[in-house]
Amino acid sequence: LPQFDWSSILSLFELIQKYRPFSFPAVSPLWA
């Protein structure tokens, strides 16, 4: 995800739902 728009976080939820990632590393603000 080269660029992430905080206002469209639902799209990230949808990617997780679609691909069910084996590994998901993220910084603290994104997890929050």
PDB file of all heavy atoms in Angstrom:
ATOM      1  N   LEU A   1       0.864  -1.171   0.000  1.00  0.00           N
ATOM      2  CA  LEU A   1       0.000   0.000   0.000  1.00  0.00           C
ATOM      3  C   LEU A   1       0.905   1.227   0.000  1.00  0.00           C
ATOM      4  O   LEU A   1       1.267   1.747   1.054  1.00  0.00           O
ATOM      5  CB  LEU A   1      -0.899   0.012   1.244  1.00  0.00           C
ATOM      6  CG  LEU A   1      -1.827  -1.189   1.413  1.00  0.00           C
ATOM      7  CD1 LEU A   1      -2.558  -1.111   2.739  1.00  0.00           C
ATOM      8  CD2 LEU A   1      -2.817  -1.255   0.269  1.00  0.00           C
ATOM      9  N   PRO A   2       1.313   1.685  -1.179  1.00  0.00           N
ATOM     10  CA  PRO A   2       2.267   2.797  -1.242  1.00  0.00           C
ATOM     11  C   PRO A   2       1.744   4.095  -0.663  1.00  0.00           C
ATOM     12  O   PRO A   2       2.490   4.931  -0.213  1.00  0.00           O
ATOM     13  CB  PRO A   2       2.540   2.929  -2.752  1.00  0.00           C
ATOM     14  CG  PRO A   2       1.330   2.346  -3.405  1.00  0.00           C
ATOM     15  CD  PRO A   2       0.879   1.235  -2.511  1.00  0.00           C
ATOM     16  N   GLN A   3       0.430   4.246  -0.665  1.00  0.00           N
ATOM     17  CA  GLN A   3      -0.163   5.455  -0.106  1.00  0.00           C
ATOM     18  C   GLN A   3      -1.461   5.071   0.575  1.00  0.00           C
ATOM     19  O   GLN A   3      -2.310   4.387  -0.003  1.00  0.00           O
ATOM     20  CB  GLN A   3      -0.410   6.499  -1.197  1.00  0.00           C
ATOM     21  CG  GLN A   3      -0.884   7.830  -0.649  1.00  0.00           C
ATOM     22  CD  GLN A   3      -0.962   8.886  -1.734  1.00  0.00           C
ATOM     23  OE1 GLN A   3      -0.713   8.604  -2.895  1.00  0.00           O
ATOM     24  NE2 GLN A   3      -1.293  10.102  -1.364  1.00  0.00           N
ATOM     25  N   PHE A   4      -1.600   5.498   1.822  1.00  0.00           N
ATOM     26  CA  PHE A   4      -2.794   5.124   2.574  1.00  0.00           C
ATOM     27  C   PHE A   4      -3.577   6.367   2.958  1.00  0.00           C
ATOM     28  O   PHE A   4      -3.029   7.313   3.511  1.00  0.00           O
ATOM     29  CB  PHE A   4      -2.419   4.340   3.819  1.00  0.00           C
ATOM     30  CG  PHE A   4      -3.612   3.931   4.640  1.00  0.00           C
ATOM     31  CD1 PHE A   4      -4.457   2.936   4.178  1.00  0.00           C
ATOM     32  CD2 PHE A   4      -3.903   4.557   5.841  1.00  0.00           C
ATOM     33  CE1 PHE A   4      -5.578   2.560   4.918  1.00  0.00           C
ATOM     34  CE2 PHE A   4      -5.011   4.185   6.582  1.00  0.00           C
ATOM     35  CZ  PHE A   4      -5.846   3.188   6.120  1.00  0.00           C
ATOM     36  N   ASP A   5      -4.842   6.364   2.655  1.00  0.00           N
ATOM     37  CA  ASP A   5      -5.724   7.463   2.981  1.00  0.00           C
ATOM     38  C   ASP A   5      -6.520   7.082   4.233  1.00  0.00           C
ATOM     39  O   ASP A   5      -7.315   6.148   4.219  1.00  0.00           O
ATOM     40  CB  ASP A   5      -6.675   7.728   1.807  1.00  0.00           C
ATOM     41  CG  ASP A   5      -7.583   8.925   2.078  1.00  0.00           C
ATOM     42  OD1 ASP A   5      -7.501   9.478   3.181  1.00  0.00           O
ATOM     43  OD2 ASP A   5      -8.357   9.283   1.177  1.00  0.00           O
ATOM     44  N   TRP A   6      -6.289   7.820   5.332  1.00  0.00           N
ATOM     45  CA  TRP A   6      -6.931   7.465   6.596  1.00  0.00           C
ATOM     46  C   TRP A   6      -8.453   7.547   6.514  1.00  0.00           C
ATOM     47  O   TRP A   6      -9.146   6.896   7.298  1.00  0.00           O
ATOM     48  CB  TRP A   6      -6.413   8.389   7.705  1.00  0.00           C
ATOM     49  CG  TRP A   6      -4.965   8.180   7.982  1.00  0.00           C
ATOM     50  CD1 TRP A   6      -3.917   8.893   7.485  1.00  0.00           C
ATOM     51  CD2 TRP A   6      -4.389   7.165   8.800  1.00  0.00           C
ATOM     52  NE1 TRP A   6      -2.731   8.383   7.945  1.00  0.00           N
ATOM     53  CE2 TRP A   6      -2.990   7.328   8.760  1.00  0.00           C
ATOM     54  CE3 TRP A   6      -4.915   6.124   9.574  1.00  0.00           C
ATOM     55  CZ2 TRP A   6      -2.118   6.501   9.444  1.00  0.00           C
ATOM     56  CZ3 TRP A   6      -4.036   5.305  10.268  1.00  0.00           C
ATOM     57  CH2 TRP A   6      -2.672   5.489  10.200  1.00  0.00           C
ATOM     58  N   SER A   7      -8.956   8.333   5.572  1.00  0.00           N
ATOM     59  CA  SER A   7     -10.414   8.462   5.462  1.00  0.00           C
ATOM     60  C   SER A   7     -11.045   7.251   4.784  1.00  0.00           C
ATOM     61  O   SER A   7     -12.261   7.083   4.814  1.00  0.00           O
ATOM     62  CB  SER A   7     -10.772   9.737   4.682  1.00  0.00           C
ATOM     63  OG  SER A   7     -10.300   9.648   3.350  1.00  0.00           O
ATOM     64  N   SER A   8     -10.228   6.409   4.163  1.00  0.00           N
ATOM     65  CA  SER A   8     -10.776   5.231   3.465  1.00  0.00           C
ATOM     66  C   SER A   8     -10.294   3.943   4.113  1.00  0.00           C
ATOM     67  O   SER A   8      -9.899   3.005   3.426  1.00  0.00           O
ATOM     68  CB  SER A   8     -10.372   5.268   1.993  1.00  0.00           C
ATOM     69  OG  SER A   8      -8.961   5.265   1.865  1.00  0.00           O
ATOM     70  N   ILE A   9     -10.341   3.904   5.422  1.00  0.00           N
ATOM     71  CA  ILE A   9      -9.832   2.730   6.130  1.00  0.00           C
ATOM     72  C   ILE A   9     -10.686   1.492   5.859  1.00  0.00           C
ATOM     73  O   ILE A   9     -10.215   0.356   5.963  1.00  0.00           O
ATOM     74  CB  ILE A   9      -9.740   3.012   7.646  1.00  0.00           C
ATOM     75  CG1 ILE A   9      -8.877   1.931   8.324  1.00  0.00           C
ATOM     76  CG2 ILE A   9     -11.118   3.085   8.285  1.00  0.00           C
ATOM     77  CD1 ILE A   9      -8.498   2.259   9.735  1.00  0.00           C
ATOM     78  N   LEU A  10     -11.936   1.715   5.458  1.00  0.00           N
ATOM     79  CA  LEU A  10     -12.796   0.571   5.135  1.00  0.00           C
ATOM     80  C   LEU A  10     -12.225  -0.247   3.979  1.00  0.00           C
ATOM     81  O   LEU A  10     -12.405  -1.470   3.918  1.00  0.00           O
ATOM     82  CB  LEU A  10     -14.210   1.041   4.798  1.00  0.00           C
ATOM     83  CG  LEU A  10     -15.078   1.493   5.985  1.00  0.00           C
ATOM     84  CD1 LEU A  10     -16.419   1.992   5.494  1.00  0.00           C
ATOM     85  CD2 LEU A  10     -15.255   0.343   6.977  1.00  0.00           C
ATOM     86  N   SER A  11     -11.531   0.427   3.066  1.00  0.00           N
ATOM     87  CA  SER A  11     -10.922  -0.306   1.955  1.00  0.00           C
ATOM     88  C   SER A  11      -9.846  -1.263   2.453  1.00  0.00           C
ATOM     89  O   SER A  11      -9.647  -2.336   1.878  1.00  0.00           O
ATOM     90  CB  SER A  11     -10.329   0.670   0.936  1.00  0.00           C
ATOM     91  OG  SER A  11      -9.273   1.418   1.509  1.00  0.00           O
ATOM     92  N   LEU A  12      -9.154  -0.894   3.518  1.00  0.00           N
ATOM     93  CA  LEU A  12      -8.144  -1.791   4.097  1.00  0.00           C
ATOM     94  C   LEU A  12      -8.821  -2.991   4.756  1.00  0.00           C
ATOM     95  O   LEU A  12      -8.349  -4.122   4.632  1.00  0.00           O
ATOM     96  CB  LEU A  12      -7.288  -1.028   5.101  1.00  0.00           C
ATOM     97  CG  LEU A  12      -6.147  -1.821   5.757  1.00  0.00           C
ATOM     98  CD1 LEU A  12      -5.240  -2.452   4.711  1.00  0.00           C
ATOM     99  CD2 LEU A  12      -5.334  -0.907   6.670  1.00  0.00           C
ATOM    100  N   PHE A  13      -9.935  -2.754   5.437  1.00  0.00           N
ATOM    101  CA  PHE A  13     -10.700  -3.866   6.000  1.00  0.00           C
ATOM    102  C   PHE A  13     -11.115  -4.845   4.897  1.00  0.00           C
ATOM    103  O   PHE A  13     -11.059  -6.066   5.067  1.00  0.00           O
ATOM    104  CB  PHE A  13     -11.947  -3.347   6.720  1.00  0.00           C
ATOM    105  CG  PHE A  13     -11.705  -2.858   8.117  1.00  0.00           C
ATOM    106  CD1 PHE A  13     -11.950  -1.541   8.461  1.00  0.00           C
ATOM    107  CD2 PHE A  13     -11.235  -3.718   9.098  1.00  0.00           C
ATOM    108  CE1 PHE A  13     -11.736  -1.088   9.745  1.00  0.00           C
ATOM    109  CE2 PHE A  13     -11.029  -3.281  10.394  1.00  0.00           C
ATOM    110  CZ  PHE A  13     -11.279  -1.956  10.716  1.00  0.00           C
ATOM    111  N   GLU A  14     -11.523  -4.294   3.776  1.00  0.00           N
ATOM    112  CA  GLU A  14     -11.968  -5.138   2.665  1.00  0.00           C
ATOM    113  C   GLU A  14     -10.822  -5.951   2.081  1.00  0.00           C
ATOM    114  O   GLU A  14     -10.998  -7.107   1.681  1.00  0.00           O
ATOM    115  CB  GLU A  14     -12.621  -4.263   1.601  1.00  0.00           C
ATOM    116  CG  GLU A  14     -13.955  -3.680   2.057  1.00  0.00           C
ATOM    117  CD  GLU A  14     -14.459  -2.584   1.144  1.00  0.00           C
ATOM    118  OE1 GLU A  14     -13.757  -2.272   0.158  1.00  0.00           O
ATOM    119  OE2 GLU A  14     -15.542  -2.029   1.420  1.00  0.00           O
ATOM    120  N   LEU A  15      -9.621  -5.355   2.021  1.00  0.00           N
ATOM    121  CA  LEU A  15      -8.448  -6.104   1.548  1.00  0.00           C
ATOM    122  C   LEU A  15      -8.119  -7.252   2.496  1.00  0.00           C
ATOM    123  O   LEU A  15      -7.788  -8.363   2.063  1.00  0.00           O
ATOM    124  CB  LEU A  15      -7.243  -5.164   1.424  1.00  0.00           C
ATOM    125  CG  LEU A  15      -7.225  -4.216   0.230  1.00  0.00           C
ATOM    126  CD1 LEU A  15      -6.047  -3.248   0.354  1.00  0.00           C
ATOM    127  CD2 LEU A  15      -7.132  -4.996  -1.073  1.00  0.00           C
ATOM    128  N   ILE A  16      -8.209  -6.994   3.805  1.00  0.00           N
ATOM    129  CA  ILE A  16      -7.956  -8.047   4.787  1.00  0.00           C
ATOM    130  C   ILE A  16      -8.983  -9.163   4.637  1.00  0.00           C
ATOM    131  O   ILE A  16      -8.652 -10.353   4.680  1.00  0.00           O
ATOM    132  CB  ILE A  16      -7.986  -7.459   6.214  1.00  0.00           C
ATOM    133  CG1 ILE A  16      -6.811  -6.502   6.418  1.00  0.00           C
ATOM    134  CG2 ILE A  16      -7.950  -8.578   7.260  1.00  0.00           C
ATOM    135  CD1 ILE A  16      -6.855  -5.727   7.713  1.00  0.00           C
ATOM    136  N   GLN A  17     -10.233  -8.776   4.433  1.00  0.00           N
ATOM    137  CA  GLN A  17     -11.284  -9.771   4.255  1.00  0.00           C
ATOM    138  C   GLN A  17     -11.077 -10.594   2.987  1.00  0.00           C
ATOM    139  O   GLN A  17     -11.294 -11.813   2.970  1.00  0.00           O
ATOM    140  CB  GLN A  17     -12.637  -9.072   4.216  1.00  0.00           C
ATOM    141  CG  GLN A  17     -13.833 -10.030   4.159  1.00  0.00           C
ATOM    142  CD  GLN A  17     -15.144  -9.269   4.250  1.00  0.00           C
ATOM    143  OE1 GLN A  17     -15.307  -8.202   3.673  1.00  0.00           O
ATOM    144  NE2 GLN A  17     -16.088  -9.824   5.003  1.00  0.00           N
ATOM    145  N   LYS A  18     -10.603  -9.964   1.932  1.00  0.00           N
ATOM    146  CA  LYS A  18     -10.429 -10.645   0.650  1.00  0.00           C
ATOM    147  C   LYS A  18      -9.216 -11.568   0.647  1.00  0.00           C
ATOM    148  O   LYS A  18      -9.294 -12.717   0.207  1.00  0.00           O
ATOM    149  CB  LYS A  18     -10.303  -9.617  -0.466  1.00  0.00           C
ATOM    150  CG  LYS A  18     -10.095 -10.212  -1.851  1.00  0.00           C
ATOM    151  CD  LYS A  18     -10.017  -9.130  -2.923  1.00  0.00           C
ATOM    152  CE  LYS A  18      -9.790  -9.735  -4.308  1.00  0.00           C
ATOM    153  NZ  LYS A  18      -9.721  -8.673  -5.355  1.00  0.00           N
ATOM    154  N   TYR A  19      -8.069 -11.072   1.150  1.00  0.00           N
ATOM    155  CA  TYR A  19      -6.823 -11.827   1.016  1.00  0.00           C
ATOM    156  C   TYR A  19      -6.435 -12.623   2.258  1.00  0.00           C
ATOM    157  O   TYR A  19      -5.569 -13.490   2.185  1.00  0.00           O
ATOM    158  CB  TYR A  19      -5.688 -10.874   0.645  1.00  0.00           C
ATOM    159  CG  TYR A  19      -5.833 -10.288  -0.732  1.00  0.00           C
ATOM    160  CD1 TYR A  19      -6.228  -8.961  -0.912  1.00  0.00           C
ATOM    161  CD2 TYR A  19      -5.599 -11.050  -1.869  1.00  0.00           C
ATOM    162  CE1 TYR A  19      -6.375  -8.410  -2.179  1.00  0.00           C
ATOM    163  CE2 TYR A  19      -5.747 -10.518  -3.145  1.00  0.00           C
ATOM    164  CZ  TYR A  19      -6.129  -9.199  -3.291  1.00  0.00           C
ATOM    165  OH  TYR A  19      -6.273  -8.665  -4.539  1.00  0.00           O
ATOM    166  N   ARG A  20      -7.028 -12.327   3.416  1.00  0.00           N
ATOM    167  CA  ARG A  20      -6.717 -13.038   4.656  1.00  0.00           C
ATOM    168  C   ARG A  20      -5.205 -13.211   4.817  1.00  0.00           C
ATOM    169  O   ARG A  20      -4.676 -14.323   4.738  1.00  0.00           O
ATOM    170  CB  ARG A  20      -7.423 -14.394   4.678  1.00  0.00           C
ATOM    171  CG  ARG A  20      -8.930 -14.260   4.597  1.00  0.00           C
ATOM    172  CD  ARG A  20      -9.655 -15.571   4.449  1.00  0.00           C
ATOM    173  NE  ARG A  20     -11.082 -15.358   4.438  1.00  0.00           N
ATOM    174  CZ  ARG A  20     -11.888 -15.632   5.474  1.00  0.00           C
ATOM    175  NH1 ARG A  20     -11.398 -16.136   6.579  1.00  0.00           N
ATOM    176  NH2 ARG A  20     -13.183 -15.398   5.391  1.00  0.00           N
ATOM    177  N   PRO A  21      -4.482 -12.119   5.024  1.00  0.00           N
ATOM    178  CA  PRO A  21      -3.019 -12.145   4.999  1.00  0.00           C
ATOM    179  C   PRO A  21      -2.399 -13.035   6.062  1.00  0.00           C
ATOM    180  O   PRO A  21      -2.883 -13.102   7.195  1.00  0.00           O
ATOM    181  CB  PRO A  21      -2.636 -10.680   5.223  1.00  0.00           C
ATOM    182  CG  PRO A  21      -3.802 -10.092   5.926  1.00  0.00           C
ATOM    183  CD  PRO A  21      -4.999 -10.782   5.364  1.00  0.00           C
ATOM    184  N   PHE A  22      -1.332 -13.721   5.648  1.00  0.00           N
ATOM    185  CA  PHE A  22      -0.563 -14.535   6.598  1.00  0.00           C
ATOM    186  C   PHE A  22       0.187 -13.620   7.560  1.00  0.00           C
ATOM    187  O   PHE A  22       0.281 -13.898   8.759  1.00  0.00           O
ATOM    188  CB  PHE A  22       0.428 -15.427   5.846  1.00  0.00           C
ATOM    189  CG  PHE A  22       1.439 -16.082   6.742  1.00  0.00           C
ATOM    190  CD1 PHE A  22       1.081 -17.144   7.568  1.00  0.00           C
ATOM    191  CD2 PHE A  22       2.751 -15.627   6.781  1.00  0.00           C
ATOM    192  CE1 PHE A  22       2.008 -17.732   8.409  1.00  0.00           C
ATOM    193  CE2 PHE A  22       3.679 -16.206   7.614  1.00  0.00           C
ATOM    194  CZ  PHE A  22       3.318 -17.264   8.425  1.00  0.00           C
ATOM    195  N   SER A  23       0.746 -12.541   7.040  1.00  0.00           N
ATOM    196  CA  SER A  23       1.498 -11.598   7.868  1.00  0.00           C
ATOM    197  C   SER A  23       1.013 -10.187   7.594  1.00  0.00           C
ATOM    198  O   SER A  23       0.809  -9.797   6.442  1.00  0.00           O
ATOM    199  CB  SER A  23       2.997 -11.707   7.557  1.00  0.00           C
ATOM    200  OG  SER A  23       3.729 -10.722   8.269  1.00  0.00           O
ATOM    201  N   PHE A  24       0.817  -9.430   8.669  1.00  0.00           N
ATOM    202  CA  PHE A  24       0.369  -8.048   8.534  1.00  0.00           C
ATOM    203  C   PHE A  24       1.187  -7.182   9.489  1.00  0.00           C
ATOM    204  O   PHE A  24       0.820  -6.988  10.643  1.00  0.00           O
ATOM    205  CB  PHE A  24      -1.116  -7.939   8.855  1.00  0.00           C
ATOM    206  CG  PHE A  24      -1.711  -6.593   8.482  1.00  0.00           C
ATOM    207  CD1 PHE A  24      -2.403  -6.427   7.296  1.00  0.00           C
ATOM    208  CD2 PHE A  24      -1.570  -5.497   9.324  1.00  0.00           C
ATOM    209  CE1 PHE A  24      -2.949  -5.193   6.952  1.00  0.00           C
ATOM    210  CE2 PHE A  24      -2.107  -4.265   8.982  1.00  0.00           C
ATOM    211  CZ  PHE A  24      -2.797  -4.115   7.799  1.00  0.00           C
ATOM    212  N   PRO A  25       2.324  -6.647   9.015  1.00  0.00           N
ATOM    213  CA  PRO A  25       3.109  -5.722   9.850  1.00  0.00           C
ATOM    214  C   PRO A  25       2.621  -4.293   9.637  1.00  0.00           C
ATOM    215  O   PRO A  25       2.382  -3.875   8.502  1.00  0.00           O
ATOM    216  CB  PRO A  25       4.537  -5.903   9.307  1.00  0.00           C
ATOM    217  CG  PRO A  25       4.343  -6.292   7.876  1.00  0.00           C
ATOM    218  CD  PRO A  25       3.020  -7.001   7.773  1.00  0.00           C
ATOM    219  N   ALA A  26       2.448  -3.543  10.717  1.00  0.00           N
ATOM    220  CA  ALA A  26       1.945  -2.174  10.599  1.00  0.00           C
ATOM    221  C   ALA A  26       2.470  -1.330  11.755  1.00  0.00           C
ATOM    222  O   ALA A  26       2.846  -1.850  12.803  1.00  0.00           O
ATOM    223  CB  ALA A  26       0.420  -2.162  10.583  1.00  0.00           C
ATOM    224  N   VAL A  27       2.474  -0.022  11.553  1.00  0.00           N
ATOM    225  CA  VAL A  27       2.892   0.894  12.612  1.00  0.00           C
ATOM    226  C   VAL A  27       1.736   1.118  13.574  1.00  0.00           C
ATOM    227  O   VAL A  27       0.565   0.863  13.250  1.00  0.00           O
ATOM    228  CB  VAL A  27       3.375   2.237  12.031  1.00  0.00           C
ATOM    229  CG1 VAL A  27       4.637   2.044  11.205  1.00  0.00           C
ATOM    230  CG2 VAL A  27       2.279   2.879  11.176  1.00  0.00           C
ATOM    231  N   SER A  28       2.054   1.622  14.754  1.00  0.00           N
ATOM    232  CA  SER A  28       1.057   1.769  15.815  1.00  0.00           C
ATOM    233  C   SER A  28      -0.162   2.605  15.411  1.00  0.00           C
ATOM    234  O   SER A  28      -1.299   2.217  15.725  1.00  0.00           O
ATOM    235  CB  SER A  28       1.712   2.359  17.066  1.00  0.00           C
ATOM    236  OG  SER A  28       2.724   1.507  17.543  1.00  0.00           O
ATOM    237  N   PRO A  29       0.014   3.761  14.742  1.00  0.00           N
ATOM    238  CA  PRO A  29      -1.179   4.549  14.377  1.00  0.00           C
ATOM    239  C   PRO A  29      -2.165   3.794  13.483  1.00  0.00           C
ATOM    240  O   PRO A  29      -3.371   3.981  13.590  1.00  0.00           O
ATOM    241  CB  PRO A  29      -0.580   5.761  13.642  1.00  0.00           C
ATOM    242  CG  PRO A  29       0.811   5.883  14.176  1.00  0.00           C
ATOM    243  CD  PRO A  29       1.257   4.468  14.410  1.00  0.00           C
ATOM    244  N   LEU A  30      -1.633   2.924  12.613  1.00  0.00           N
ATOM    245  CA  LEU A  30      -2.527   2.160  11.740  1.00  0.00           C
ATOM    246  C   LEU A  30      -3.306   1.129  12.544  1.00  0.00           C
ATOM    247  O   LEU A  30      -4.520   0.964  12.347  1.00  0.00           O
ATOM    248  CB  LEU A  30      -1.730   1.479  10.633  1.00  0.00           C
ATOM    249  CG  LEU A  30      -2.537   0.662   9.610  1.00  0.00           C
ATOM    250  CD1 LEU A  30      -3.689   1.476   9.047  1.00  0.00           C
ATOM    251  CD2 LEU A  30      -1.629   0.182   8.489  1.00  0.00           C
ATOM    252  N   TRP A  31      -2.631   0.446  13.478  1.00  0.00           N
ATOM    253  CA  TRP A  31      -3.344  -0.505  14.339  1.00  0.00           C
ATOM    254  C   TRP A  31      -4.401   0.212  15.172  1.00  0.00           C
ATOM    255  O   TRP A  31      -5.510  -0.287  15.369  1.00  0.00           O
ATOM    256  CB  TRP A  31      -2.372  -1.248  15.248  1.00  0.00           C
ATOM    257  CG  TRP A  31      -1.630  -2.366  14.589  1.00  0.00           C
ATOM    258  CD1 TRP A  31      -0.276  -2.498  14.442  1.00  0.00           C
ATOM    259  CD2 TRP A  31      -2.197  -3.535  13.971  1.00  0.00           C
ATOM    260  NE1 TRP A  31       0.032  -3.657  13.776  1.00  0.00           N
ATOM    261  CE2 TRP A  31      -1.132  -4.314  13.473  1.00  0.00           C
ATOM    262  CE3 TRP A  31      -3.504  -3.980  13.783  1.00  0.00           C
ATOM    263  CZ2 TRP A  31      -1.334  -5.518  12.811  1.00  0.00           C
ATOM    264  CZ3 TRP A  31      -3.710  -5.191  13.115  1.00  0.00           C
ATOM    265  CH2 TRP A  31      -2.641  -5.943  12.656  1.00  0.00           C
ATOM    266  N   ALA A  32      -4.054   1.400  15.651  1.00  0.00           N
ATOM    267  CA  ALA A  32      -5.004   2.171  16.454  1.00  0.00           C
ATOM    268  C   ALA A  32      -6.255   2.492  15.638  1.00  0.00           C
ATOM    269  O   ALA A  32      -7.386   2.389  16.131  1.00  0.00           O
ATOM    270  CB  ALA A  32      -4.347   3.459  16.954  1.00  0.00           C
TER     271      ALA A  32
END
